Amino acid sequence: MFAGTLTRNVETAAAEYTGMIHSTRFDIAIQLEARAKMSERSPDFDVTAINKSGRKVRIGTAWNETGTTSGNPYISMQIDVGLGPFRVNAVQNEDQRGGQTFSIIPFTDSGDQDRDASGGLSLVA
């Protein structure tokens, strides 16, 4: 299970979003940095973290999305922290809507299958 927070940087900064993502196996600070879109389906952001030697490393990509039912904006991320790729969404609950903070939750697919980060791509909440 994964959890975390993501905050939009309203002042000019190198990263559009900063936050934390954690599970029982890792706890890392992340940044979402805007990237040039090569096509409509290209990611909107690179997801980066700082490694043990202090270097910034790309650990994934992220897309701005809109809920098909709710119409609410969210950010879909695919990340790999060395345990295999996994997906999470950064969403706003009712109290967060209109603000700068998002909650990171596991990705839910229509198959409703639980998988951990070392064995699969999709997770359910």
N, C-alpha and C. Protein backbone atom coordinates (compact mmCIF):
# COMPACT_ATOMS: atom_id res chain seq x y z
N MET A 1 0.83 -1.18 0.00
CA MET A 1 0.00 0.00 0.00
C MET A 1 0.88 1.24 0.00
N PHE A 2 0.50 2.23 -0.77
CA PHE A 2 1.26 3.46 -0.90
C PHE A 2 0.42 4.63 -0.41
N ALA A 3 1.10 5.65 0.10
CA ALA A 3 0.43 6.86 0.54
C ALA A 3 1.41 8.01 0.37
N GLY A 4 0.92 9.22 0.53
CA GLY A 4 1.78 10.38 0.45
C GLY A 4 1.00 11.64 0.17
N THR A 5 1.72 12.72 -0.02
CA THR A 5 1.12 14.01 -0.34
C THR A 5 1.92 14.67 -1.45
N LEU A 6 1.27 15.57 -2.14
CA LEU A 6 1.88 16.34 -3.21
C LEU A 6 1.33 17.75 -3.09
N THR A 7 2.21 18.73 -3.17
CA THR A 7 1.79 20.13 -3.04
C THR A 7 2.24 20.91 -4.27
N ARG A 8 1.30 21.65 -4.85
CA ARG A 8 1.62 22.52 -5.99
C ARG A 8 2.40 23.72 -5.47
N ASN A 9 3.52 24.01 -6.13
CA ASN A 9 4.32 25.18 -5.77
C ASN A 9 3.74 26.39 -6.50
N VAL A 10 3.19 27.32 -5.74
CA VAL A 10 2.54 28.48 -6.37
C VAL A 10 3.55 29.55 -6.74
N GLU A 11 4.68 29.59 -6.06
CA GLU A 11 5.72 30.55 -6.43
C GLU A 11 6.58 29.93 -7.52
N THR A 12 7.31 30.74 -8.21
CA THR A 12 8.19 30.23 -9.25
C THR A 12 9.22 29.31 -8.60
N ALA A 13 9.28 28.09 -9.09
CA ALA A 13 10.22 27.11 -8.56
C ALA A 13 10.62 26.17 -9.69
N ALA A 14 11.71 25.44 -9.48
CA ALA A 14 12.16 24.48 -10.49
C ALA A 14 11.14 23.35 -10.63
N ALA A 15 10.51 22.96 -9.54
CA ALA A 15 9.53 21.87 -9.58
C ALA A 15 8.13 22.44 -9.43
N GLU A 16 7.20 21.97 -10.26
CA GLU A 16 5.81 22.43 -10.14
C GLU A 16 5.13 21.87 -8.91
N TYR A 17 5.51 20.63 -8.53
CA TYR A 17 4.96 19.97 -7.36
C TYR A 17 6.10 19.35 -6.56
N THR A 18 5.96 19.34 -5.23
CA THR A 18 6.88 18.61 -4.36
C THR A 18 6.05 17.79 -3.40
N GLY A 19 6.63 16.70 -2.90
CA GLY A 19 5.88 15.88 -1.97
C GLY A 19 6.66 14.69 -1.46
N MET A 20 5.93 13.77 -0.86
CA MET A 20 6.47 12.54 -0.28
C MET A 20 5.60 11.38 -0.73
N ILE A 21 6.22 10.24 -0.95
CA ILE A 21 5.48 9.01 -1.19
C ILE A 21 6.16 7.93 -0.35
N HIS A 22 5.34 7.10 0.29
CA HIS A 22 5.92 6.10 1.18
C HIS A 22 5.08 4.83 1.22
N SER A 23 5.75 3.78 1.63
CA SER A 23 5.11 2.48 1.87
C SER A 23 5.90 1.84 3.01
N THR A 24 5.66 0.57 3.25
CA THR A 24 6.44 -0.12 4.28
C THR A 24 7.86 -0.38 3.80
N ARG A 25 8.13 -0.22 2.49
CA ARG A 25 9.45 -0.52 1.93
C ARG A 25 10.27 0.71 1.56
N PHE A 26 9.67 1.90 1.48
CA PHE A 26 10.42 3.10 1.13
C PHE A 26 9.69 4.34 1.62
N ASP A 27 10.45 5.44 1.70
CA ASP A 27 9.93 6.73 2.11
C ASP A 27 10.79 7.77 1.39
N ILE A 28 10.27 8.39 0.32
CA ILE A 28 11.10 9.29 -0.48
C ILE A 28 10.40 10.61 -0.76
N ALA A 29 11.22 11.64 -0.89
CA ALA A 29 10.74 12.95 -1.33
C ALA A 29 10.76 12.96 -2.85
N ILE A 30 9.69 13.49 -3.44
CA ILE A 30 9.61 13.54 -4.90
C ILE A 30 9.33 14.95 -5.37
N GLN A 31 9.64 15.19 -6.64
CA GLN A 31 9.32 16.44 -7.32
C GLN A 31 8.74 16.12 -8.67
N LEU A 32 7.79 16.91 -9.10
CA LEU A 32 7.26 16.80 -10.46
C LEU A 32 7.72 18.04 -11.21
N GLU A 33 8.48 17.82 -12.28
CA GLU A 33 9.02 18.90 -13.08
C GLU A 33 8.40 18.85 -14.46
N ALA A 34 7.89 19.98 -14.91
CA ALA A 34 7.24 20.05 -16.23
C ALA A 34 8.21 19.62 -17.32
N ARG A 35 7.68 18.95 -18.33
CA ARG A 35 8.50 18.53 -19.47
C ARG A 35 7.77 18.90 -20.75
N ALA A 36 8.52 19.05 -21.82
CA ALA A 36 7.94 19.38 -23.12
C ALA A 36 7.12 18.19 -23.61
N LYS A 37 5.91 18.46 -24.06
CA LYS A 37 5.05 17.39 -24.59
C LYS A 37 5.35 17.18 -26.06
N MET A 38 5.65 15.91 -26.40
CA MET A 38 5.93 15.55 -27.78
C MET A 38 4.65 15.20 -28.53
N SER A 39 3.60 14.81 -27.78
CA SER A 39 2.31 14.49 -28.36
C SER A 39 1.26 14.68 -27.27
N GLU A 40 -0.01 14.55 -27.63
CA GLU A 40 -1.09 14.71 -26.67
C GLU A 40 -1.01 13.68 -25.54
N ARG A 41 -0.50 12.49 -25.85
CA ARG A 41 -0.42 11.41 -24.86
C ARG A 41 0.88 11.41 -24.06
N SER A 42 1.82 12.28 -24.39
CA SER A 42 3.10 12.35 -23.68
C SER A 42 2.89 12.79 -22.24
N PRO A 43 3.76 12.36 -21.33
CA PRO A 43 3.65 12.81 -19.93
C PRO A 43 3.80 14.32 -19.81
N ASP A 44 3.15 14.87 -18.79
CA ASP A 44 3.26 16.29 -18.50
C ASP A 44 4.45 16.60 -17.60
N PHE A 45 4.89 15.60 -16.81
CA PHE A 45 5.93 15.81 -15.81
C PHE A 45 6.91 14.64 -15.77
N ASP A 46 8.14 14.94 -15.36
CA ASP A 46 9.09 13.93 -14.92
C ASP A 46 8.99 13.90 -13.40
N VAL A 47 8.98 12.70 -12.83
CA VAL A 47 8.99 12.53 -11.37
C VAL A 47 10.44 12.25 -10.99
N THR A 48 11.00 13.09 -10.09
CA THR A 48 12.39 12.95 -9.69
C THR A 48 12.50 12.81 -8.18
N ALA A 49 13.64 12.24 -7.76
CA ALA A 49 13.98 12.11 -6.35
C ALA A 49 15.48 12.36 -6.23
N ILE A 50 15.97 12.53 -5.01
CA ILE A 50 17.39 12.71 -4.77
C ILE A 50 17.95 11.39 -4.24
N ASN A 51 19.01 10.87 -4.90
CA ASN A 51 19.57 9.59 -4.45
C ASN A 51 20.53 9.80 -3.28
N LYS A 52 21.12 8.72 -2.79
CA LYS A 52 21.99 8.78 -1.61
C LYS A 52 23.22 9.65 -1.83
N SER A 53 23.67 9.78 -3.07
CA SER A 53 24.83 10.64 -3.33
C SER A 53 24.46 12.09 -3.59
N GLY A 54 23.18 12.42 -3.45
CA GLY A 54 22.74 13.80 -3.61
C GLY A 54 22.39 14.19 -5.03
N ARG A 55 22.37 13.23 -5.96
CA ARG A 55 22.02 13.54 -7.34
C ARG A 55 20.53 13.35 -7.58
N LYS A 56 19.99 14.22 -8.44
CA LYS A 56 18.60 14.11 -8.84
C LYS A 56 18.47 13.00 -9.86
N VAL A 57 17.53 12.06 -9.64
CA VAL A 57 17.31 10.96 -10.58
C VAL A 57 15.84 10.91 -10.96
N ARG A 58 15.60 10.58 -12.22
CA ARG A 58 14.22 10.43 -12.71
C ARG A 58 13.73 9.05 -12.30
N ILE A 59 12.60 9.02 -11.58
CA ILE A 59 12.03 7.74 -11.14
C ILE A 59 10.68 7.46 -11.78
N GLY A 60 10.21 8.36 -12.63
CA GLY A 60 8.93 8.11 -13.28
C GLY A 60 8.43 9.30 -14.08
N THR A 61 7.18 9.17 -14.48
CA THR A 61 6.51 10.21 -15.25
C THR A 61 5.10 10.40 -14.70
N ALA A 62 4.49 11.53 -15.05
CA ALA A 62 3.15 11.84 -14.55
C ALA A 62 2.36 12.63 -15.60
N TRP A 63 1.04 12.47 -15.52
CA TRP A 63 0.13 13.11 -16.46
C TRP A 63 -0.95 13.87 -15.69
N ASN A 64 -1.32 15.05 -16.18
CA ASN A 64 -2.53 15.73 -15.69
C ASN A 64 -3.72 14.99 -16.28
N GLU A 65 -4.68 14.65 -15.45
CA GLU A 65 -5.87 13.91 -15.88
C GLU A 65 -7.11 14.57 -15.31
N THR A 66 -8.26 14.20 -15.85
CA THR A 66 -9.56 14.65 -15.34
C THR A 66 -10.44 13.43 -15.18
N GLY A 67 -11.08 13.31 -14.01
CA GLY A 67 -11.96 12.17 -13.74
C GLY A 67 -13.11 12.12 -14.74
N THR A 68 -13.37 10.94 -15.31
CA THR A 68 -14.43 10.82 -16.30
C THR A 68 -15.81 10.96 -15.68
N THR A 69 -15.97 10.55 -14.44
CA THR A 69 -17.27 10.66 -13.78
C THR A 69 -17.41 11.96 -13.01
N SER A 70 -16.39 12.28 -12.18
CA SER A 70 -16.47 13.45 -11.31
C SER A 70 -16.10 14.75 -12.01
N GLY A 71 -15.24 14.67 -13.03
CA GLY A 71 -14.74 15.87 -13.67
C GLY A 71 -13.65 16.57 -12.88
N ASN A 72 -13.22 15.95 -11.78
CA ASN A 72 -12.18 16.55 -10.93
C ASN A 72 -10.79 16.27 -11.51
N PRO A 73 -9.91 17.26 -11.43
CA PRO A 73 -8.54 17.05 -11.90
C PRO A 73 -7.76 16.17 -10.92
N TYR A 74 -6.82 15.39 -11.46
CA TYR A 74 -5.90 14.61 -10.64
C TYR A 74 -4.63 14.38 -11.43
N ILE A 75 -3.62 13.83 -10.78
CA ILE A 75 -2.35 13.55 -11.45
C ILE A 75 -2.10 12.05 -11.37
N SER A 76 -1.88 11.43 -12.50
CA SER A 76 -1.59 10.00 -12.60
C SER A 76 -0.08 9.84 -12.75
N MET A 77 0.53 8.99 -11.88
CA MET A 77 1.98 8.81 -11.90
C MET A 77 2.35 7.34 -12.08
N GLN A 78 3.38 7.09 -12.85
CA GLN A 78 4.00 5.77 -12.92
C GLN A 78 5.42 5.94 -12.41
N ILE A 79 5.76 5.15 -11.37
CA ILE A 79 7.02 5.33 -10.66
C ILE A 79 7.72 3.99 -10.51
N ASP A 80 9.06 4.02 -10.50
CA ASP A 80 9.85 2.83 -10.20
C ASP A 80 10.96 3.25 -9.24
N VAL A 81 10.91 2.73 -8.01
CA VAL A 81 11.92 3.04 -7.00
C VAL A 81 12.82 1.83 -6.74
N GLY A 82 12.94 0.96 -7.73
CA GLY A 82 13.79 -0.21 -7.60
C GLY A 82 13.05 -1.46 -7.18
N LEU A 83 11.75 -1.38 -7.00
CA LEU A 83 10.93 -2.52 -6.60
C LEU A 83 10.03 -2.98 -7.73
N GLY A 84 10.21 -2.43 -8.90
CA GLY A 84 9.32 -2.68 -10.02
C GLY A 84 8.40 -1.50 -10.20
N PRO A 85 7.87 -1.29 -11.39
CA PRO A 85 7.01 -0.13 -11.64
C PRO A 85 5.66 -0.26 -10.94
N PHE A 86 5.12 0.86 -10.50
CA PHE A 86 3.78 0.90 -9.93
C PHE A 86 3.14 2.23 -10.27
N ARG A 87 1.82 2.28 -10.13
CA ARG A 87 1.07 3.49 -10.44
C ARG A 87 0.34 3.99 -9.21
N VAL A 88 0.31 5.31 -9.09
CA VAL A 88 -0.45 5.97 -8.04
C VAL A 88 -1.13 7.19 -8.65
N ASN A 89 -2.15 7.69 -7.98
CA ASN A 89 -2.83 8.91 -8.39
C ASN A 89 -2.72 9.92 -7.26
N ALA A 90 -2.56 11.18 -7.62
CA ALA A 90 -2.61 12.28 -6.66
C ALA A 90 -3.95 12.97 -6.86
N VAL A 91 -4.81 12.87 -5.83
CA VAL A 91 -6.18 13.37 -5.93
C VAL A 91 -6.44 14.38 -4.81
N GLN A 92 -7.51 15.14 -4.98
CA GLN A 92 -7.95 16.06 -3.95
C GLN A 92 -9.27 15.59 -3.39
N ASN A 93 -9.34 15.43 -2.05
CA ASN A 93 -10.63 15.12 -1.43
C ASN A 93 -11.44 16.40 -1.33
N GLU A 94 -12.65 16.31 -0.80
CA GLU A 94 -13.53 17.49 -0.76
C GLU A 94 -12.90 18.66 -0.03
N ASP A 95 -12.17 18.38 1.06
CA ASP A 95 -11.54 19.46 1.83
C ASP A 95 -10.36 20.09 1.10
N GLN A 96 -9.73 19.34 0.19
CA GLN A 96 -8.54 19.83 -0.51
C GLN A 96 -8.88 20.54 -1.82
N ARG A 97 -10.06 20.31 -2.38
CA ARG A 97 -10.40 20.86 -3.70
C ARG A 97 -10.26 22.37 -3.72
N GLY A 98 -9.65 22.85 -4.77
CA GLY A 98 -9.42 24.29 -4.91
C GLY A 98 -8.13 24.74 -4.25
N GLY A 99 -7.48 23.85 -3.49
CA GLY A 99 -6.23 24.19 -2.83
C GLY A 99 -5.03 23.68 -3.59
N GLN A 100 -3.90 23.66 -2.92
CA GLN A 100 -2.64 23.27 -3.56
C GLN A 100 -2.18 21.86 -3.17
N THR A 101 -2.88 21.18 -2.25
CA THR A 101 -2.44 19.89 -1.74
C THR A 101 -3.24 18.74 -2.32
N PHE A 102 -2.55 17.66 -2.66
CA PHE A 102 -3.14 16.43 -3.18
C PHE A 102 -2.73 15.27 -2.28
N SER A 103 -3.57 14.26 -2.18
CA SER A 103 -3.24 13.03 -1.48
C SER A 103 -2.87 11.97 -2.51
N ILE A 104 -1.79 11.24 -2.24
CA ILE A 104 -1.36 10.18 -3.14
C ILE A 104 -2.00 8.88 -2.69
N ILE A 105 -2.70 8.24 -3.62
CA ILE A 105 -3.40 6.98 -3.33
C ILE A 105 -3.02 5.94 -4.38
N PRO A 106 -3.16 4.66 -4.06
CA PRO A 106 -2.87 3.62 -5.05
C PRO A 106 -3.78 3.74 -6.27
N PHE A 107 -3.25 3.37 -7.40
CA PHE A 107 -4.00 3.33 -8.65
C PHE A 107 -5.01 2.19 -8.58
N THR A 108 -6.22 2.43 -9.08
CA THR A 108 -7.25 1.40 -9.13
C THR A 108 -7.59 1.15 -10.59
N ASP A 109 -7.53 -0.13 -10.99
CA ASP A 109 -7.95 -0.46 -12.35
C ASP A 109 -9.27 -1.21 -12.29
N SER A 110 -9.84 -1.48 -13.42
CA SER A 110 -11.14 -2.13 -13.45
C SER A 110 -11.06 -3.62 -13.13
N GLY A 111 -9.84 -4.19 -13.05
CA GLY A 111 -9.69 -5.61 -12.75
C GLY A 111 -9.78 -5.93 -11.27
N ASP A 112 -9.69 -4.91 -10.41
CA ASP A 112 -9.77 -5.08 -8.97
C ASP A 112 -8.82 -6.16 -8.44
N GLN A 113 -7.57 -6.13 -8.87
CA GLN A 113 -6.58 -7.07 -8.40
C GLN A 113 -5.53 -6.33 -7.60
N ASP A 114 -5.28 -6.79 -6.35
CA ASP A 114 -4.22 -6.21 -5.54
C ASP A 114 -2.88 -6.76 -5.99
N ARG A 115 -1.89 -5.87 -6.13
CA ARG A 115 -0.53 -6.30 -6.43
C ARG A 115 0.41 -5.39 -5.67
N ASP A 116 1.52 -5.95 -5.17
CA ASP A 116 2.48 -5.09 -4.49
C ASP A 116 3.47 -4.54 -5.50
N ALA A 117 4.33 -3.63 -5.05
CA ALA A 117 5.23 -2.93 -5.96
C ALA A 117 6.23 -3.87 -6.60
N SER A 118 6.53 -4.98 -5.97
CA SER A 118 7.54 -5.85 -6.55
C SER A 118 6.96 -6.80 -7.57
N GLY A 119 5.61 -6.90 -7.66
CA GLY A 119 5.07 -7.90 -8.56
C GLY A 119 4.09 -7.41 -9.58
N GLY A 120 3.79 -6.14 -9.65
CA GLY A 120 2.81 -5.73 -10.64
C GLY A 120 2.72 -4.25 -10.81
N LEU A 121 1.76 -3.85 -11.58
CA LEU A 121 1.63 -2.46 -11.97
C LEU A 121 0.45 -1.77 -11.32
N SER A 122 -0.66 -2.49 -11.08
CA SER A 122 -1.84 -1.81 -10.59
C SER A 122 -2.15 -2.19 -9.15
N LEU A 123 -2.72 -1.24 -8.43
CA LEU A 123 -3.07 -1.41 -7.04
C LEU A 123 -4.50 -0.92 -6.82
N VAL A 124 -5.17 -1.45 -5.82
CA VAL A 124 -6.50 -0.95 -5.49
C VAL A 124 -6.48 -0.27 -4.15
N ALA A 125 -7.36 0.72 -3.98
CA ALA A 125 -7.42 1.48 -2.74
C ALA A 125 -8.10 0.70 -1.64
